[in-house]
Structure formats: structure tokens, C-alpha cells
Amino acid sequence: MPNRLIDETSPYWLQHANNPVDWYPWGERRWSGRGQTISPSC
């Protein structure tokens, strides 16, 4: 099952597009619409 990297253009990201991990590409799309910050849970 493809993850969010399937729409990327970079060959590096595309090689991971079918990994069983819910990867997020880095950039504005990552943060838009979230309305919250992401912090590590300690």
C-alpha cells in the first residue's frame, strides 16, 4: 500500500513510497491544516 511519498518527484522519496511506514514528506504540506505542533512524547 503506498504512503504519502507516492506523490513525490524525488527518486529518493519514491523508492520508499511502498514501505510499510506512514512517511510524511518534509515541507509546507506537512504542517498545513494541522493547527497544532508536533512534539516528541517523552
PDB file of N, CA and C in Angstrom:
ATOM      1  N   MET A   1       0.842  -1.174   0.000  1.00  0.00           N
ATOM      2  CA  MET A   1       0.000   0.000   0.000  1.00  0.00           C
ATOM      3  C   MET A   1       0.885   1.234   0.000  1.00  0.00           C
ATOM      4  N   PRO A   2       0.711   2.137  -0.936  1.00  0.00           N
ATOM      5  CA  PRO A   2       1.535   3.339  -0.988  1.00  0.00           C
ATOM      6  C   PRO A   2       1.279   4.256   0.210  1.00  0.00           C
ATOM      7  N   ASN A   3       2.298   5.012   0.568  1.00  0.00           N
ATOM      8  CA  ASN A   3       2.154   6.003   1.624  1.00  0.00           C
ATOM      9  C   ASN A   3       2.172   7.398   1.004  1.00  0.00           C
ATOM     10  N   ARG A   4       2.345   8.430   1.797  1.00  0.00           N
ATOM     11  CA  ARG A   4       2.280   9.809   1.300  1.00  0.00           C
ATOM     12  C   ARG A   4       3.419  10.179   0.355  1.00  0.00           C
ATOM     13  N   LEU A   5       4.431   9.357   0.263  1.00  0.00           N
ATOM     14  CA  LEU A   5       5.552   9.660  -0.626  1.00  0.00           C
ATOM     15  C   LEU A   5       5.248   9.328  -2.082  1.00  0.00           C
ATOM     16  N   ILE A   6       4.146   8.677  -2.354  1.00  0.00           N
ATOM     17  CA  ILE A   6       3.826   8.252  -3.714  1.00  0.00           C
ATOM     18  C   ILE A   6       3.676   9.440  -4.668  1.00  0.00           C
ATOM     19  N   ASP A   7       3.357  10.628  -4.149  1.00  0.00           N
ATOM     20  CA  ASP A   7       3.177  11.818  -4.988  1.00  0.00           C
ATOM     21  C   ASP A   7       4.439  12.655  -5.134  1.00  0.00           C
ATOM     22  N   GLU A   8       5.529  12.225  -4.521  1.00  0.00           N
ATOM     23  CA  GLU A   8       6.776  12.980  -4.605  1.00  0.00           C
ATOM     24  C   GLU A   8       7.439  12.788  -5.966  1.00  0.00           C
ATOM     25  N   THR A   9       8.336  13.719  -6.314  1.00  0.00           N
ATOM     26  CA  THR A   9       9.049  13.626  -7.590  1.00  0.00           C
ATOM     27  C   THR A   9      10.486  13.151  -7.415  1.00  0.00           C
ATOM     28  N   SER A  10      10.991  13.208  -6.201  1.00  0.00           N
ATOM     29  CA  SER A  10      12.366  12.814  -5.932  1.00  0.00           C
ATOM     30  C   SER A  10      12.528  11.295  -6.031  1.00  0.00           C
ATOM     31  N   PRO A  11      13.517  10.826  -6.784  1.00  0.00           N
ATOM     32  CA  PRO A  11      13.772   9.379  -6.843  1.00  0.00           C
ATOM     33  C   PRO A  11      14.065   8.786  -5.459  1.00  0.00           C
ATOM     34  N   TYR A  12      14.698   9.573  -4.600  1.00  0.00           N
ATOM     35  CA  TYR A  12      14.988   9.087  -3.246  1.00  0.00           C
ATOM     36  C   TYR A  12      13.698   8.786  -2.487  1.00  0.00           C
ATOM     37  N   TRP A  13      12.757   9.725  -2.508  1.00  0.00           N
ATOM     38  CA  TRP A  13      11.489   9.518  -1.796  1.00  0.00           C
ATOM     39  C   TRP A  13      10.651   8.435  -2.450  1.00  0.00           C
ATOM     40  N   LEU A  14      10.656   8.383  -3.763  1.00  0.00           N
ATOM     41  CA  LEU A  14       9.837   7.391  -4.463  1.00  0.00           C
ATOM     42  C   LEU A  14      10.270   5.957  -4.167  1.00  0.00           C
ATOM     43  N   GLN A  15      11.553   5.754  -3.877  1.00  0.00           N
ATOM     44  CA  GLN A  15      11.985   4.390  -3.567  1.00  0.00           C
ATOM     45  C   GLN A  15      11.410   3.904  -2.238  1.00  0.00           C
ATOM     46  N   HIS A  16      10.892   4.817  -1.430  1.00  0.00           N
ATOM     47  CA  HIS A  16      10.291   4.469  -0.144  1.00  0.00           C
ATOM     48  C   HIS A  16       8.772   4.577  -0.159  1.00  0.00           C
ATOM     49  N   ALA A  17       8.197   4.821  -1.319  1.00  0.00           N
ATOM     50  CA  ALA A  17       6.756   5.060  -1.419  1.00  0.00           C
ATOM     51  C   ALA A  17       5.913   3.839  -1.069  1.00  0.00           C
ATOM     52  N   ASN A  18       6.467   2.661  -1.154  1.00  0.00           N
ATOM     53  CA  ASN A  18       5.707   1.456  -0.818  1.00  0.00           C
ATOM     54  C   ASN A  18       6.173   0.789   0.470  1.00  0.00           C
ATOM     55  N   ASN A  19       6.975   1.513   1.254  1.00  0.00           N
ATOM     56  CA  ASN A  19       7.379   0.996   2.558  1.00  0.00           C
ATOM     57  C   ASN A  19       6.165   0.915   3.479  1.00  0.00           C
ATOM     58  N   PRO A  20       6.143  -0.015   4.403  1.00  0.00           N
ATOM     59  CA  PRO A  20       5.013  -0.122   5.328  1.00  0.00           C
ATOM     60  C   PRO A  20       5.095   0.881   6.478  1.00  0.00           C
ATOM     61  N   VAL A  21       5.578   2.074   6.186  1.00  0.00           N
ATOM     62  CA  VAL A  21       5.701   3.147   7.170  1.00  0.00           C
ATOM     63  C   VAL A  21       4.915   4.333   6.643  1.00  0.00           C
ATOM     64  N   ASP A  22       4.185   5.017   7.510  1.00  0.00           N
ATOM     65  CA  ASP A  22       3.373   6.159   7.093  1.00  0.00           C
ATOM     66  C   ASP A  22       4.237   7.421   7.054  1.00  0.00           C
ATOM     67  N   TRP A  23       5.152   7.464   6.081  1.00  0.00           N
ATOM     68  CA  TRP A  23       6.082   8.583   5.950  1.00  0.00           C
ATOM     69  C   TRP A  23       5.353   9.851   5.560  1.00  0.00           C
ATOM     70  N   TYR A  24       5.852  10.974   6.031  1.00  0.00           N
ATOM     71  CA  TYR A  24       5.401  12.294   5.611  1.00  0.00           C
ATOM     72  C   TYR A  24       6.566  12.969   4.912  1.00  0.00           C
ATOM     73  N   PRO A  25       6.363  13.533   3.726  1.00  0.00           N
ATOM     74  CA  PRO A  25       7.430  14.330   3.120  1.00  0.00           C
ATOM     75  C   PRO A  25       7.606  15.621   3.917  1.00  0.00           C
ATOM     76  N   TRP A  26       8.807  16.149   3.941  1.00  0.00           N
ATOM     77  CA  TRP A  26       9.082  17.374   4.672  1.00  0.00           C
ATOM     78  C   TRP A  26       8.669  18.564   3.827  1.00  0.00           C
ATOM     79  N   GLY A  27       8.076  19.580   4.439  1.00  0.00           N
ATOM     80  CA  GLY A  27       7.710  20.789   3.721  1.00  0.00           C
ATOM     81  C   GLY A  27       6.417  21.386   4.242  1.00  0.00           C
ATOM     82  N   GLU A  28       5.945  22.418   3.564  1.00  0.00           N
ATOM     83  CA  GLU A  28       4.747  23.129   3.992  1.00  0.00           C
ATOM     84  C   GLU A  28       3.521  22.220   4.038  1.00  0.00           C
ATOM     85  N   ARG A  29       3.406  21.300   3.098  1.00  0.00           N
ATOM     86  CA  ARG A  29       2.255  20.395   3.106  1.00  0.00           C
ATOM     87  C   ARG A  29       2.205  19.586   4.389  1.00  0.00           C
ATOM     88  N   ARG A  30       3.351  19.341   4.958  1.00  0.00           N
ATOM     89  CA  ARG A  30       3.438  18.555   6.193  1.00  0.00           C
ATOM     90  C   ARG A  30       2.728  19.252   7.337  1.00  0.00           C
ATOM     91  N   TRP A  31       2.833  20.581   7.377  1.00  0.00           N
ATOM     92  CA  TRP A  31       2.321  21.330   8.517  1.00  0.00           C
ATOM     93  C   TRP A  31       0.971  21.992   8.254  1.00  0.00           C
ATOM     94  N   SER A  32       0.594  22.156   7.002  1.00  0.00           N
ATOM     95  CA  SER A  32      -0.640  22.878   6.701  1.00  0.00           C
ATOM     96  C   SER A  32      -1.860  22.114   7.200  1.00  0.00           C
ATOM     97  N   GLY A  33      -2.776  22.851   7.791  1.00  0.00           N
ATOM     98  CA  GLY A  33      -4.022  22.272   8.247  1.00  0.00           C
ATOM     99  C   GLY A  33      -3.952  21.521   9.561  1.00  0.00           C
ATOM    100  N   ARG A  34      -2.806  21.480  10.184  1.00  0.00           N
ATOM    101  CA  ARG A  34      -2.681  20.709  11.428  1.00  0.00           C
ATOM    102  C   ARG A  34      -3.238  21.474  12.617  1.00  0.00           C
ATOM    103  N   GLY A  35      -2.955  22.791  12.681  1.00  0.00           N
ATOM    104  CA  GLY A  35      -3.440  23.578  13.795  1.00  0.00           C
ATOM    105  C   GLY A  35      -2.795  23.234  15.127  1.00  0.00           C
ATOM    106  N   GLN A  36      -1.732  22.487  15.084  1.00  0.00           N
ATOM    107  CA  GLN A  36      -1.039  22.109  16.306  1.00  0.00           C
ATOM    108  C   GLN A  36       0.422  21.840  15.999  1.00  0.00           C
ATOM    109  N   THR A  37       1.218  21.812  17.031  1.00  0.00           N
ATOM    110  CA  THR A  37       2.625  21.490  16.835  1.00  0.00           C
ATOM    111  C   THR A  37       2.835  20.010  17.121  1.00  0.00           C
ATOM    112  N   ILE A  38       3.884  19.506  16.592  1.00  0.00           N
ATOM    113  CA  ILE A  38       4.231  18.110  16.831  1.00  0.00           C
ATOM    114  C   ILE A  38       5.452  18.093  17.731  1.00  0.00           C
ATOM    115  N   SER A  39       5.346  17.423  18.835  1.00  0.00           N
ATOM    116  CA  SER A  39       6.478  17.331  19.741  1.00  0.00           C
ATOM    117  C   SER A  39       6.685  15.864  20.107  1.00  0.00           C
ATOM    118  N   PRO A  40       7.921  15.519  20.417  1.00  0.00           N
ATOM    119  CA  PRO A  40       8.186  14.126  20.784  1.00  0.00           C
ATOM    120  C   PRO A  40       7.520  13.788  22.118  1.00  0.00           C
ATOM    121  N   SER A  41       7.057  12.597  22.230  1.00  0.00           N
ATOM    122  CA  SER A  41       6.479  12.171  23.512  1.00  0.00           C
ATOM    123  C   SER A  41       7.590  11.543  24.343  1.00  0.00           C
ATOM    124  N   CYS A  42       7.809  12.101  25.496  1.00  0.00           N
ATOM    125  CA  CYS A  42       8.882  11.620  26.373  1.00  0.00           C
ATOM    126  C   CYS A  42       8.307  10.918  27.565  1.00  0.00           C
TER     127      CYS A  42
END
